[in-house]
Amino acid sequence: MQVSVAYAEPGQKLWLSVDVPEGSTVQEAIEQSGVLSRCPHLNIKKHRIGVFGKITKLTALLEEGDRVEIYRPITVDPKTVPQRKIALDDDEDDDD
């Protein structure tokens, strides 16, 4: 069955299609996709993993067409993003 594995980091976006046997787990798809060899620093035991945006376990069984997603930790507090954008916009206005 055909599934995909997605992972993104600054400067690199991966969306890899992989053919796995029926009854394969999320972990097996990740391992077979080659994402771990392309990103050797990636530790799937420490990252959150999801299928179509829903957090799941590495042992979850996959279905045809599933998209496995490997999530990076949030490095910016989402509450501060609007404040940072306003500050950046103010700085640009000062340049005029």
PDB file of N, CA and C in Angstrom:
ATOM      1  N   MET A   1       0.853  -1.186   0.000  1.00  0.00           N
ATOM      2  CA  MET A   1       0.000   0.000   0.000  1.00  0.00           C
ATOM      3  C   MET A   1       0.891   1.239   0.000  1.00  0.00           C
ATOM      4  N   GLN A   2       0.402   2.277  -0.577  1.00  0.00           N
ATOM      5  CA  GLN A   2       1.156   3.519  -0.727  1.00  0.00           C
ATOM      6  C   GLN A   2       0.809   4.487   0.416  1.00  0.00           C
ATOM      7  N   VAL A   3       1.845   4.991   1.116  1.00  0.00           N
ATOM      8  CA  VAL A   3       1.688   6.025   2.139  1.00  0.00           C
ATOM      9  C   VAL A   3       2.787   7.055   1.909  1.00  0.00           C
ATOM     10  N   SER A   4       2.731   8.158   2.636  1.00  0.00           N
ATOM     11  CA  SER A   4       3.786   9.159   2.525  1.00  0.00           C
ATOM     12  C   SER A   4       4.259   9.565   3.921  1.00  0.00           C
ATOM     13  N   VAL A   5       5.488  10.064   3.953  1.00  0.00           N
ATOM     14  CA  VAL A   5       6.089  10.535   5.199  1.00  0.00           C
ATOM     15  C   VAL A   5       6.543  11.965   4.958  1.00  0.00           C
ATOM     16  N   ALA A   6       6.121  12.884   5.830  1.00  0.00           N
ATOM     17  CA  ALA A   6       6.446  14.301   5.673  1.00  0.00           C
ATOM     18  C   ALA A   6       7.220  14.800   6.886  1.00  0.00           C
ATOM     19  N   TYR A   7       8.260  15.596   6.589  1.00  0.00           N
ATOM     20  CA  TYR A   7       9.050  16.241   7.642  1.00  0.00           C
ATOM     21  C   TYR A   7       9.634  17.515   7.058  1.00  0.00           C
ATOM     22  N   ALA A   8       9.614  18.586   7.832  1.00  0.00           N
ATOM     23  CA  ALA A   8      10.170  19.858   7.360  1.00  0.00           C
ATOM     24  C   ALA A   8      10.987  20.498   8.466  1.00  0.00           C
ATOM     25  N   GLU A   9      12.059  21.135   8.037  1.00  0.00           N
ATOM     26  CA  GLU A   9      12.889  21.940   8.926  1.00  0.00           C
ATOM     27  C   GLU A   9      13.393  23.099   8.086  1.00  0.00           C
ATOM     28  N   PRO A  10      13.935  24.128   8.700  1.00  0.00           N
ATOM     29  CA  PRO A  10      14.403  25.263   7.908  1.00  0.00           C
ATOM     30  C   PRO A  10      15.364  24.805   6.800  1.00  0.00           C
ATOM     31  N   GLY A  11      15.033  25.172   5.584  1.00  0.00           N
ATOM     32  CA  GLY A  11      15.886  24.849   4.451  1.00  0.00           C
ATOM     33  C   GLY A  11      15.676  23.474   3.848  1.00  0.00           C
ATOM     34  N   GLN A  12      14.793  22.665   4.424  1.00  0.00           N
ATOM     35  CA  GLN A  12      14.589  21.322   3.895  1.00  0.00           C
ATOM     36  C   GLN A  12      13.160  20.864   4.166  1.00  0.00           C
ATOM     37  N   LYS A  13      12.471  20.505   3.100  1.00  0.00           N
ATOM     38  CA  LYS A  13      11.120  19.961   3.215  1.00  0.00           C
ATOM     39  C   LYS A  13      11.111  18.608   2.518  1.00  0.00           C
ATOM     40  N   LEU A  14      10.663  17.594   3.226  1.00  0.00           N
ATOM     41  CA  LEU A  14      10.613  16.249   2.665  1.00  0.00           C
ATOM     42  C   LEU A  14       9.186  15.734   2.667  1.00  0.00           C
ATOM     43  N   TRP A  15       8.767  15.187   1.538  1.00  0.00           N
ATOM     44  CA  TRP A  15       7.493  14.489   1.438  1.00  0.00           C
ATOM     45  C   TRP A  15       7.787  13.269   0.597  1.00  0.00           C
ATOM     46  N   LEU A  16       7.973  12.147   1.256  1.00  0.00           N
ATOM     47  CA  LEU A  16       8.452  10.934   0.618  1.00  0.00           C
ATOM     48  C   LEU A  16       7.340   9.899   0.509  1.00  0.00           C
ATOM     49  N   SER A  17       7.143   9.371  -0.686  1.00  0.00           N
ATOM     50  CA  SER A  17       6.182   8.286  -0.883  1.00  0.00           C
ATOM     51  C   SER A  17       6.894   6.967  -0.627  1.00  0.00           C
ATOM     52  N   VAL A  18       6.188   6.060  -0.003  1.00  0.00           N
ATOM     53  CA  VAL A  18       6.775   4.759   0.307  1.00  0.00           C
ATOM     54  C   VAL A  18       5.701   3.679   0.164  1.00  0.00           C
ATOM     55  N   ASP A  19       6.115   2.557  -0.384  1.00  0.00           N
ATOM     56  CA  ASP A  19       5.219   1.412  -0.539  1.00  0.00           C
ATOM     57  C   ASP A  19       5.506   0.456   0.613  1.00  0.00           C
ATOM     58  N   VAL A  20       4.516   0.246   1.472  1.00  0.00           N
ATOM     59  CA  VAL A  20       4.680  -0.623   2.635  1.00  0.00           C
ATOM     60  C   VAL A  20       3.647  -1.744   2.576  1.00  0.00           C
ATOM     61  N   PRO A  21       3.951  -2.879   3.192  1.00  0.00           N
ATOM     62  CA  PRO A  21       2.977  -3.975   3.208  1.00  0.00           C
ATOM     63  C   PRO A  21       1.753  -3.631   4.065  1.00  0.00           C
ATOM     64  N   GLU A  22       0.637  -4.272   3.764  1.00  0.00           N
ATOM     65  CA  GLU A  22      -0.564  -4.131   4.597  1.00  0.00           C
ATOM     66  C   GLU A  22      -0.185  -4.463   6.038  1.00  0.00           C
ATOM     67  N   GLY A  23      -0.753  -3.736   6.989  1.00  0.00           N
ATOM     68  CA  GLY A  23      -0.477  -3.986   8.396  1.00  0.00           C
ATOM     69  C   GLY A  23       0.780  -3.307   8.911  1.00  0.00           C
ATOM     70  N   SER A  24       1.368  -2.420   8.110  1.00  0.00           N
ATOM     71  CA  SER A  24       2.576  -1.712   8.549  1.00  0.00           C
ATOM     72  C   SER A  24       2.228  -0.648   9.577  1.00  0.00           C
ATOM     73  N   THR A  25       3.202  -0.365  10.439  1.00  0.00           N
ATOM     74  CA  THR A  25       3.027   0.653  11.468  1.00  0.00           C
ATOM     75  C   THR A  25       3.626   1.979  11.007  1.00  0.00           C
ATOM     76  N   VAL A  26       3.326   3.012  11.757  1.00  0.00           N
ATOM     77  CA  VAL A  26       3.881   4.338  11.504  1.00  0.00           C
ATOM     78  C   VAL A  26       5.407   4.269  11.539  1.00  0.00           C
ATOM     79  N   GLN A  27       5.968   3.599  12.534  1.00  0.00           N
ATOM     80  CA  GLN A  27       7.418   3.500  12.651  1.00  0.00           C
ATOM     81  C   GLN A  27       8.028   2.789  11.444  1.00  0.00           C
ATOM     82  N   GLU A  28       7.414   1.735  10.982  1.00  0.00           N
ATOM     83  CA  GLU A  28       7.936   1.004   9.828  1.00  0.00           C
ATOM     84  C   GLU A  28       7.934   1.883   8.576  1.00  0.00           C
ATOM     85  N   ALA A  29       6.892   2.669   8.389  1.00  0.00           N
ATOM     86  CA  ALA A  29       6.832   3.564   7.232  1.00  0.00           C
ATOM     87  C   ALA A  29       7.933   4.621   7.304  1.00  0.00           C
ATOM     88  N   ILE A  30       8.149   5.177   8.497  1.00  0.00           N
ATOM     89  CA  ILE A  30       9.209   6.177   8.667  1.00  0.00           C
ATOM     90  C   ILE A  30      10.558   5.564   8.335  1.00  0.00           C
ATOM     91  N   GLU A  31      10.822   4.386   8.867  1.00  0.00           N
ATOM     92  CA  GLU A  31      12.107   3.721   8.630  1.00  0.00           C
ATOM     93  C   GLU A  31      12.301   3.386   7.151  1.00  0.00           C
ATOM     94  N   GLN A  32      11.250   2.920   6.472  1.00  0.00           N
ATOM     95  CA  GLN A  32      11.360   2.539   5.068  1.00  0.00           C
ATOM     96  C   GLN A  32      11.411   3.742   4.132  1.00  0.00           C
ATOM     97  N   SER A  33      10.956   4.902   4.586  1.00  0.00           N
ATOM     98  CA  SER A  33      10.913   6.084   3.724  1.00  0.00           C
ATOM     99  C   SER A  33      12.294   6.655   3.419  1.00  0.00           C
ATOM    100  N   GLY A  34      13.256   6.419   4.309  1.00  0.00           N
ATOM    101  CA  GLY A  34      14.586   6.983   4.133  1.00  0.00           C
ATOM    102  C   GLY A  34      14.769   8.344   4.784  1.00  0.00           C
ATOM    103  N   VAL A  35      13.749   8.856   5.452  1.00  0.00           N
ATOM    104  CA  VAL A  35      13.856  10.172   6.086  1.00  0.00           C
ATOM    105  C   VAL A  35      14.922  10.175   7.183  1.00  0.00           C
ATOM    106  N   LEU A  36      15.108   9.048   7.848  1.00  0.00           N
ATOM    107  CA  LEU A  36      16.089   8.993   8.931  1.00  0.00           C
ATOM    108  C   LEU A  36      17.524   9.036   8.405  1.00  0.00           C
ATOM    109  N   SER A  37      17.753   8.526   7.219  1.00  0.00           N
ATOM    110  CA  SER A  37      19.100   8.623   6.650  1.00  0.00           C
ATOM    111  C   SER A  37      19.350  10.019   6.084  1.00  0.00           C
ATOM    112  N   ARG A  38      18.313  10.696   5.625  1.00  0.00           N
ATOM    113  CA  ARG A  38      18.460  12.072   5.129  1.00  0.00           C
ATOM    114  C   ARG A  38      18.595  13.067   6.262  1.00  0.00           C
ATOM    115  N   CYS A  39      18.027  12.752   7.401  1.00  0.00           N
ATOM    116  CA  CYS A  39      18.072  13.627   8.575  1.00  0.00           C
ATOM    117  C   CYS A  39      18.542  12.798   9.769  1.00  0.00           C
ATOM    118  N   PRO A  40      19.838  12.487   9.833  1.00  0.00           N
ATOM    119  CA  PRO A  40      20.337  11.588  10.876  1.00  0.00           C
ATOM    120  C   PRO A  40      20.163  12.109  12.305  1.00  0.00           C
ATOM    121  N   HIS A  41      19.977  13.407  12.457  1.00  0.00           N
ATOM    122  CA  HIS A  41      19.767  13.991  13.787  1.00  0.00           C
ATOM    123  C   HIS A  41      18.349  13.743  14.310  1.00  0.00           C
ATOM    124  N   LEU A  42      17.468  13.284  13.452  1.00  0.00           N
ATOM    125  CA  LEU A  42      16.060  13.083  13.797  1.00  0.00           C
ATOM    126  C   LEU A  42      15.912  11.885  14.732  1.00  0.00           C
ATOM    127  N   ASN A  43      15.233  12.090  15.838  1.00  0.00           N
ATOM    128  CA  ASN A  43      14.980  11.011  16.795  1.00  0.00           C
ATOM    129  C   ASN A  43      13.466  10.855  16.923  1.00  0.00           C
ATOM    130  N   ILE A  44      12.923   9.847  16.244  1.00  0.00           N
ATOM    131  CA  ILE A  44      11.464   9.715  16.219  1.00  0.00           C
ATOM    132  C   ILE A  44      10.876   9.331  17.567  1.00  0.00           C
ATOM    133  N   LYS A  45      11.710   8.898  18.488  1.00  0.00           N
ATOM    134  CA  LYS A  45      11.216   8.591  19.840  1.00  0.00           C
ATOM    135  C   LYS A  45      10.955   9.874  20.634  1.00  0.00           C
ATOM    136  N   LYS A  46      11.597  10.979  20.234  1.00  0.00           N
ATOM    137  CA  LYS A  46      11.436  12.245  20.953  1.00  0.00           C
ATOM    138  C   LYS A  46      10.479  13.211  20.259  1.00  0.00           C
ATOM    139  N   HIS A  47      10.258  13.044  18.954  1.00  0.00           N
ATOM    140  CA  HIS A  47       9.369  13.932  18.206  1.00  0.00           C
ATOM    141  C   HIS A  47       7.938  13.414  18.264  1.00  0.00           C
ATOM    142  N   ARG A  48       7.021  14.341  18.161  1.00  0.00           N
ATOM    143  CA  ARG A  48       5.628  13.940  18.041  1.00  0.00           C
ATOM    144  C   ARG A  48       5.393  13.487  16.609  1.00  0.00           C
ATOM    145  N   ILE A  49       4.536  12.500  16.460  1.00  0.00           N
ATOM    146  CA  ILE A  49       4.224  11.931  15.161  1.00  0.00           C
ATOM    147  C   ILE A  49       2.718  11.987  14.983  1.00  0.00           C
ATOM    148  N   GLY A  50       2.277  12.269  13.760  1.00  0.00           N
ATOM    149  CA  GLY A  50       0.848  12.298  13.484  1.00  0.00           C
ATOM    150  C   GLY A  50       0.528  11.684  12.136  1.00  0.00           C
ATOM    151  N   VAL A  51      -0.747  11.433  11.936  1.00  0.00           N
ATOM    152  CA  VAL A  51      -1.271  11.007  10.640  1.00  0.00           C
ATOM    153  C   VAL A  51      -2.376  11.983  10.296  1.00  0.00           C
ATOM    154  N   PHE A  52      -2.180  12.712   9.206  1.00  0.00           N
ATOM    155  CA  PHE A  52      -3.134  13.744   8.785  1.00  0.00           C
ATOM    156  C   PHE A  52      -3.481  14.708   9.920  1.00  0.00           C
ATOM    157  N   GLY A  53      -2.461  15.145  10.670  1.00  0.00           N
ATOM    158  CA  GLY A  53      -2.655  16.181  11.683  1.00  0.00           C
ATOM    159  C   GLY A  53      -3.137  15.686  13.034  1.00  0.00           C
ATOM    160  N   LYS A  54      -3.326  14.393  13.197  1.00  0.00           N
ATOM    161  CA  LYS A  54      -3.753  13.851  14.485  1.00  0.00           C
ATOM    162  C   LYS A  54      -2.584  13.085  15.098  1.00  0.00           C
ATOM    163  N   ILE A  55      -2.202  13.462  16.313  1.00  0.00           N
ATOM    164  CA  ILE A  55      -1.094  12.807  17.005  1.00  0.00           C
ATOM    165  C   ILE A  55      -1.395  11.312  17.147  1.00  0.00           C
ATOM    166  N   THR A  56      -0.382  10.501  16.894  1.00  0.00           N
ATOM    167  CA  THR A  56      -0.552   9.052  16.973  1.00  0.00           C
ATOM    168  C   THR A  56       0.706   8.412  17.535  1.00  0.00           C
ATOM    169  N   LYS A  57       0.636   7.126  17.798  1.00  0.00           N
ATOM    170  CA  LYS A  57       1.779   6.372  18.322  1.00  0.00           C
ATOM    171  C   LYS A  57       2.546   5.743  17.169  1.00  0.00           C
ATOM    172  N   LEU A  58       3.802   5.442  17.409  1.00  0.00           N
ATOM    173  CA  LEU A  58       4.631   4.778  16.401  1.00  0.00           C
ATOM    174  C   LEU A  58       4.093   3.396  16.058  1.00  0.00           C
ATOM    175  N   THR A  59       3.333   2.802  16.956  1.00  0.00           N
ATOM    176  CA  THR A  59       2.806   1.451  16.752  1.00  0.00           C
ATOM    177  C   THR A  59       1.453   1.434  16.031  1.00  0.00           C
ATOM    178  N   ALA A  60       0.919   2.613  15.711  1.00  0.00           N
ATOM    179  CA  ALA A  60      -0.389   2.675  15.039  1.00  0.00           C
ATOM    180  C   ALA A  60      -0.286   2.069  13.645  1.00  0.00           C
ATOM    181  N   LEU A  61      -1.328   1.359  13.259  1.00  0.00           N
ATOM    182  CA  LEU A  61      -1.378   0.748  11.932  1.00  0.00           C
ATOM    183  C   LEU A  61      -1.801   1.779  10.897  1.00  0.00           C
ATOM    184  N   LEU A  62      -1.231   1.676   9.711  1.00  0.00           N
ATOM    185  CA  LEU A  62      -1.518   2.621   8.631  1.00  0.00           C
ATOM    186  C   LEU A  62      -2.539   2.061   7.664  1.00  0.00           C
ATOM    187  N   GLU A  63      -3.192   2.976   6.951  1.00  0.00           N
ATOM    188  CA  GLU A  63      -4.125   2.617   5.892  1.00  0.00           C
ATOM    189  C   GLU A  63      -3.621   3.214   4.589  1.00  0.00           C
ATOM    190  N   GLU A  64      -4.068   2.668   3.488  1.00  0.00           N
ATOM    191  CA  GLU A  64      -3.696   3.154   2.156  1.00  0.00           C
ATOM    192  C   GLU A  64      -3.880   4.673   2.073  1.00  0.00           C
ATOM    193  N   GLY A  65      -2.844   5.366   1.595  1.00  0.00           N
ATOM    194  CA  GLY A  65      -2.935   6.811   1.375  1.00  0.00           C
ATOM    195  C   GLY A  65      -2.636   7.673   2.594  1.00  0.00           C
ATOM    196  N   ASP A  66      -2.361   7.084   3.739  1.00  0.00           N
ATOM    197  CA  ASP A  66      -2.072   7.879   4.939  1.00  0.00           C
ATOM    198  C   ASP A  66      -0.823   8.738   4.745  1.00  0.00           C
ATOM    199  N   ARG A  67      -0.822   9.899   5.396  1.00  0.00           N
ATOM    200  CA  ARG A  67       0.347  10.782   5.415  1.00  0.00           C
ATOM    201  C   ARG A  67       0.872  10.838   6.845  1.00  0.00           C
ATOM    202  N   VAL A  68       2.047  10.263   7.057  1.00  0.00           N
ATOM    203  CA  VAL A  68       2.707  10.286   8.359  1.00  0.00           C
ATOM    204  C   VAL A  68       3.471  11.597   8.459  1.00  0.00           C
ATOM    205  N   GLU A  69       3.286  12.304   9.554  1.00  0.00           N
ATOM    206  CA  GLU A  69       3.930  13.607   9.737  1.00  0.00           C
ATOM    207  C   GLU A  69       4.808  13.576  10.991  1.00  0.00           C
ATOM    208  N   ILE A  70       6.038  14.023  10.817  1.00  0.00           N
ATOM    209  CA  ILE A  70       6.966  14.121  11.949  1.00  0.00           C
ATOM    210  C   ILE A  70       7.040  15.595  12.323  1.00  0.00           C
ATOM    211  N   TYR A  71       6.662  15.919  13.561  1.00  0.00           N
ATOM    212  CA  TYR A  71       6.577  17.309  13.992  1.00  0.00           C
ATOM    213  C   TYR A  71       7.822  17.733  14.757  1.00  0.00           C
ATOM    214  N   ARG A  72       8.270  18.950  14.489  1.00  0.00           N
ATOM    215  CA  ARG A  72       9.371  19.537  15.245  1.00  0.00           C
ATOM    216  C   ARG A  72       8.798  20.259  16.452  1.00  0.00           C
ATOM    217  N   PRO A  73       9.594  20.411  17.516  1.00  0.00           N
ATOM    218  CA  PRO A  73       9.111  21.163  18.680  1.00  0.00           C
ATOM    219  C   PRO A  73       8.875  22.630  18.316  1.00  0.00           C
ATOM    220  N   ILE A  74       7.927  23.233  18.965  1.00  0.00           N
ATOM    221  CA  ILE A  74       7.654  24.657  18.760  1.00  0.00           C
ATOM    222  C   ILE A  74       8.783  25.445  19.418  1.00  0.00           C
ATOM    223  N   THR A  75       9.379  26.357  18.668  1.00  0.00           N
ATOM    224  CA  THR A  75      10.494  27.138  19.207  1.00  0.00           C
ATOM    225  C   THR A  75      10.097  28.571  19.526  1.00  0.00           C
ATOM    226  N   VAL A  76       8.890  28.977  19.117  1.00  0.00           N
ATOM    227  CA  VAL A  76       8.406  30.330  19.372  1.00  0.00           C
ATOM    228  C   VAL A  76       7.039  30.214  20.025  1.00  0.00           C
ATOM    229  N   ASP A  77       6.823  30.989  21.050  1.00  0.00           N
ATOM    230  CA  ASP A  77       5.517  31.026  21.689  1.00  0.00           C
ATOM    231  C   ASP A  77       4.525  31.672  20.726  1.00  0.00           C
ATOM    232  N   PRO A  78       3.485  30.941  20.293  1.00  0.00           N
ATOM    233  CA  PRO A  78       2.543  31.491  19.324  1.00  0.00           C
ATOM    234  C   PRO A  78       1.891  32.803  19.769  1.00  0.00           C
ATOM    235  N   LYS A  79       1.805  33.024  21.076  1.00  0.00           N
ATOM    236  CA  LYS A  79       1.195  34.253  21.577  1.00  0.00           C
ATOM    237  C   LYS A  79       2.049  35.479  21.284  1.00  0.00           C
ATOM    238  N   THR A  80       3.362  35.280  21.094  1.00  0.00           N
ATOM    239  CA  THR A  80       4.238  36.429  20.848  1.00  0.00           C
ATOM    240  C   THR A  80       4.370  36.768  19.372  1.00  0.00           C
ATOM    241  N   VAL A  81       3.942  35.877  18.476  1.00  0.00           N
ATOM    242  CA  VAL A  81       4.109  36.117  17.040  1.00  0.00           C
ATOM    243  C   VAL A  81       3.404  37.394  16.587  1.00  0.00           C
ATOM    244  N   PRO A  82       2.128  37.637  16.959  1.00  0.00           N
ATOM    245  CA  PRO A  82       1.504  38.898  16.528  1.00  0.00           C
ATOM    246  C   PRO A  82       2.255  40.127  17.049  1.00  0.00           C
ATOM    247  N   GLN A  83       2.772  40.058  18.271  1.00  0.00           N
ATOM    248  CA  GLN A  83       3.519  41.186  18.825  1.00  0.00           C
ATOM    249  C   GLN A  83       4.796  41.411  18.039  1.00  0.00           C
ATOM    250  N   ARG A  84       5.477  40.338  17.649  1.00  0.00           N
ATOM    251  CA  ARG A  84       6.714  40.464  16.871  1.00  0.00           C
ATOM    252  C   ARG A  84       6.418  41.047  15.497  1.00  0.00           C
ATOM    253  N   LYS A  85       5.304  40.629  14.890  1.00  0.00           N
ATOM    254  CA  LYS A  85       4.944  41.139  13.571  1.00  0.00           C
ATOM    255  C   LYS A  85       4.648  42.636  13.647  1.00  0.00           C
ATOM    256  N   ILE A  86       3.943  43.066  14.676  1.00  0.00           N
ATOM    257  CA  ILE A  86       3.646  44.491  14.853  1.00  0.00           C
ATOM    258  C   ILE A  86       4.945  45.269  15.020  1.00  0.00           C
ATOM    259  N   ALA A  87       5.863  44.738  15.821  1.00  0.00           N
ATOM    260  CA  ALA A  87       7.148  45.413  16.037  1.00  0.00           C
ATOM    261  C   ALA A  87       7.936  45.507  14.731  1.00  0.00           C
ATOM    262  N   LEU A  88       7.916  44.466  13.924  1.00  0.00           N
ATOM    263  CA  LEU A  88       8.617  44.494  12.636  1.00  0.00           C
ATOM    264  C   LEU A  88       7.982  45.507  11.692  1.00  0.00           C
ATOM    265  N   ASP A  89       6.650  45.556  11.671  1.00  0.00           N
ATOM    266  CA  ASP A  89       5.955  46.528  10.821  1.00  0.00           C
ATOM    267  C   ASP A  89       6.294  47.957  11.243  1.00  0.00           C
ATOM    268  N   ASP A  90       6.375  48.208  12.551  1.00  0.00           N
ATOM    269  CA  ASP A  90       6.733  49.536  13.054  1.00  0.00           C
ATOM    270  C   ASP A  90       8.143  49.917  12.627  1.00  0.00           C
ATOM    271  N   ASP A  91       9.071  48.948  12.677  1.00  0.00           N
ATOM    272  CA  ASP A  91      10.447  49.212  12.266  1.00  0.00           C
ATOM    273  C   ASP A  91      10.528  49.572  10.778  1.00  0.00           C
ATOM    274  N   GLU A  92       9.732  48.922   9.952  1.00  0.00           N
ATOM    275  CA  GLU A  92       9.727  49.209   8.521  1.00  0.00           C
ATOM    276  C   GLU A  92       9.179  50.614   8.247  1.00  0.00           C
ATOM    277  N   ASP A  93       8.163  51.022   9.039  1.00  0.00           N
ATOM    278  CA  ASP A  93       7.592  52.358   8.862  1.00  0.00           C
ATOM    279  C   ASP A  93       8.593  53.442   9.222  1.00  0.00           C
ATOM    280  N   ASP A  94       9.480  53.159  10.183  1.00  0.00           N
ATOM    281  CA  ASP A  94      10.482  54.137  10.595  1.00  0.00           C
ATOM    282  C   ASP A  94      11.511  54.399   9.507  1.00  0.00           C
ATOM    283  N   ASP A  95      11.698  53.452   8.594  1.00  0.00           N
ATOM    284  CA  ASP A  95      12.690  53.595   7.528  1.00  0.00           C
ATOM    285  C   ASP A  95      12.249  54.570   6.455  1.00  0.00           C
ATOM    286  N   ASP A  96      10.988  54.927   6.408  1.00  0.00           N
ATOM    287  CA  ASP A  96      10.472  55.809   5.347  1.00  0.00           C
ATOM    288  C   ASP A  96      10.935  57.227   5.508  1.00  0.00           C
TER     289      ASP A  96
END
